[in-house]
Protein backbone atom coordinates (compact mmCIF):
# COMPACT_ATOMS: atom_id res chain seq x y z
CA MET A 1 -110.33 143.17 161.63
CA THR A 2 -108.97 143.81 158.17
CA SER A 3 -111.00 143.25 155.03
CA LEU A 4 -108.67 140.45 153.94
CA ALA A 5 -109.11 138.66 157.25
CA VAL A 6 -112.90 138.99 157.08
CA ILE A 7 -112.97 137.73 153.48
CA SER A 8 -110.71 134.80 154.41
CA ALA A 9 -112.82 133.92 157.45
CA ARG A 10 -116.04 134.13 155.48
CA THR A 11 -114.58 132.01 152.67
CA ALA A 12 -113.58 129.33 155.18
CA ILE A 13 -116.99 129.48 156.88
CA ILE A 14 -118.79 129.08 153.54
CA ALA A 15 -116.53 126.19 152.51
CA ILE A 16 -117.07 124.32 155.79
CA PHE A 17 -120.82 125.03 155.75
CA LEU A 18 -121.18 123.75 152.18
CA GLY A 19 -118.99 120.74 152.98
CA ALA A 20 -121.25 119.83 155.90
CA LEU A 21 -124.29 120.27 153.67
CA LEU A 22 -122.71 118.00 151.05
CA VAL A 23 -122.13 115.35 153.72
CA GLN A 24 -125.75 115.62 154.90
CA VAL A 25 -127.32 115.42 151.46
CA LEU A 26 -125.03 113.16 149.42
CA ILE A 27 -122.24 111.43 151.30
CA LEU A 28 -124.07 110.27 154.44
CA PRO A 29 -126.90 108.50 152.56
CA MET A 30 -124.38 106.74 150.29
CA PHE A 31 -122.23 105.74 153.26
CA ILE A 32 -125.22 104.37 155.15
CA GLU A 33 -126.43 102.43 152.11
CA GLU A 34 -122.98 100.88 151.67
CA ALA A 35 -122.68 100.04 155.36
CA ILE A 36 -126.08 98.31 155.33
CA TYR A 37 -125.07 96.36 152.21
CA ILE A 38 -121.85 95.17 153.87
CA HIS A 39 -123.33 94.66 157.36
CA PRO A 40 -127.08 93.97 157.05
CA GLU A 41 -127.26 93.11 160.77
CA VAL A 42 -126.94 96.82 161.66
CA ALA A 43 -129.66 98.04 159.29
CA HIS A 44 -131.89 98.90 162.26
CA LEU A 45 -129.33 101.52 163.34
CA ALA A 46 -129.30 103.40 160.03
CA ILE A 47 -132.03 105.91 160.83
CA PRO A 48 -130.97 106.70 164.43
CA TYR A 49 -127.33 107.08 163.41
CA ARG A 50 -128.24 109.23 160.42
CA CYS A 51 -130.36 111.48 162.64
CA ALA A 52 -127.54 111.78 165.19
CA VAL A 53 -124.91 112.58 162.55
CA THR A 54 -127.24 115.09 160.89
CA ALA A 55 -127.90 116.73 164.29
CA GLY A 56 -124.14 117.01 164.85
CA LEU A 57 -123.66 118.58 161.43
CA ILE A 58 -126.50 121.01 162.11
CA GLY A 59 -124.73 121.94 165.36
CA LEU A 60 -121.58 122.65 163.36
CA GLN A 61 -123.56 124.75 160.89
CA MET A 62 -125.19 126.71 163.71
CA ALA A 63 -121.77 127.48 165.16
CA LEU A 64 -120.58 128.61 161.73
CA ILE A 65 -123.52 131.01 161.43
CA CYS A 66 -122.60 132.43 164.84
CA PHE A 67 -118.98 132.85 163.70
CA TRP A 68 -120.19 134.68 160.59
CA ILE A 69 -122.18 137.10 162.75
CA LEU A 70 -119.29 137.58 165.17
CA ALA A 71 -116.88 138.24 162.28
CA SER A 72 -119.30 140.88 161.02
CA LYS A 73 -119.35 142.45 164.48
CA LEU A 74 -115.55 142.45 164.51
CA ARG A 75 -115.42 144.14 161.12
CA ARG A 76 -117.88 146.82 162.26
CA ARG A 77 -116.03 147.14 165.60
CA THR A 78 -119.20 146.33 167.54
CA ILE A 79 -117.97 143.08 169.09
CA TYR A 80 -117.83 144.57 172.59
CA GLN A 81 -121.59 144.61 173.03
CA VAL A 82 -123.69 142.39 175.26
CA SER A 83 -125.47 141.02 172.17
CA SER A 84 -122.21 139.33 171.14
CA LEU A 85 -122.38 137.12 174.22
CA HIS A 86 -125.58 135.57 172.90
CA TRP A 87 -123.83 134.43 169.71
CA PHE A 88 -120.92 133.00 171.68
CA SER A 89 -123.33 131.11 173.92
CA ILE A 90 -125.11 129.56 170.93
CA ALA A 91 -121.79 128.56 169.35
CA ILE A 92 -120.63 127.02 172.65
CA CYS A 93 -123.83 124.99 173.02
CA ALA A 94 -123.72 123.86 169.39
CA ALA A 95 -120.06 122.81 169.62
CA ALA A 96 -120.61 120.99 172.91
CA ALA A 97 -123.68 119.17 171.58
CA ALA A 98 -121.87 118.10 168.40
CA THR A 99 -118.93 116.87 170.48
CA LEU A 100 -121.20 114.86 172.77
CA LEU A 101 -122.94 113.34 169.75
CA VAL A 102 -119.59 112.23 168.29
CA LEU A 103 -118.57 110.75 171.62
CA GLY A 104 -121.95 109.09 172.20
CA LEU A 105 -122.12 107.55 168.74
CA GLY A 106 -118.54 106.33 169.02
CA ILE A 107 -119.08 104.74 172.41
CA HIS A 108 -122.31 103.14 171.27
CA LEU A 109 -120.78 101.80 168.06
CA LEU A 110 -117.57 100.52 169.65
CA ALA A 111 -118.72 99.36 173.10
CA PHE A 112 -122.33 98.31 172.67
CA ILE A 113 -122.54 97.23 169.03
CA GLY A 114 -118.98 95.92 168.82
CA ALA A 115 -118.48 97.34 165.32
CA GLY A 116 -115.64 99.44 164.03
CA GLY A 117 -112.03 99.07 164.91
CA PRO A 118 -108.95 101.10 165.64
CA GLY A 119 -109.75 103.55 162.82
CA VAL A 120 -113.18 104.28 164.28
CA ALA A 121 -111.73 104.58 167.78
CA PHE A 122 -109.10 107.07 166.60
CA ALA A 123 -111.69 109.04 164.60
CA VAL A 124 -113.99 109.26 167.62
CA ALA A 125 -111.13 110.21 169.94
CA GLY A 126 -109.90 112.83 167.48
CA GLY A 127 -113.38 114.24 166.89
CA ALA A 128 -114.09 114.40 170.61
CA ALA A 129 -110.72 116.01 171.33
CA LEU A 130 -111.15 118.57 168.57
CA GLY A 131 -114.72 119.37 169.60
CA GLY A 132 -113.77 119.58 173.26
CA ALA A 133 -110.85 121.89 172.51
CA ALA A 134 -113.03 124.12 170.32
CA THR A 135 -115.70 124.29 173.02
CA CYS A 136 -113.14 125.16 175.71
CA LEU A 137 -111.62 127.83 173.46
CA LEU A 138 -115.04 129.36 172.85
CA VAL A 139 -115.77 129.37 176.61
CA ALA A 140 -112.44 131.12 177.24
CA LEU A 141 -113.07 133.68 174.49
CA ARG A 142 -116.55 134.34 175.83
CA GLY A 143 -115.07 134.88 179.30
CA MET A 144 -112.56 137.35 177.88
CA LEU A 145 -115.39 139.16 176.07
CA VAL A 146 -117.42 139.36 179.31
CA SER A 147 -114.40 140.79 181.09
CA ARG A 148 -113.80 143.37 178.37
CA ILE A 149 -117.46 144.42 178.24
CA ARG A 150 -117.49 144.87 182.03
CA LYS A 151 -114.35 146.97 181.84
CA LEU A 152 -115.81 149.17 179.08
CA THR A 153 -119.14 149.68 180.86
CA ALA A 154 -117.62 150.37 184.29
């Protein structure tokens, strides 16, 4: 992997990581406060929803840390080691968990609470589709890495 590609990947990882941190610390509390002000009948859901969203963001951040480590392994040309599989597995689990949290929160909000509307439905569907696609891609890449490691060690 070229230096420019590694720098670009790391820049993107840092930007996404910091964006998720900004959402956790500043935007989510303000959003919840505003939602409670507008809809006081859902105030009892503020803490569980905040915990679930924060857990999803932590899953995203865990995956980003794994990508950082894997990019470093690519740069050093040590990606074809068994230790790389561990980082892929963590990223897969984190992406799958975050996707399930998005889907679960969306279903709960739309079907059980009866709040939200078409915008929320599209956001949930888009988030679940994106997370599912990312998880499937990571599983496929991990499978390719397993195949390559087996070929190199045989």
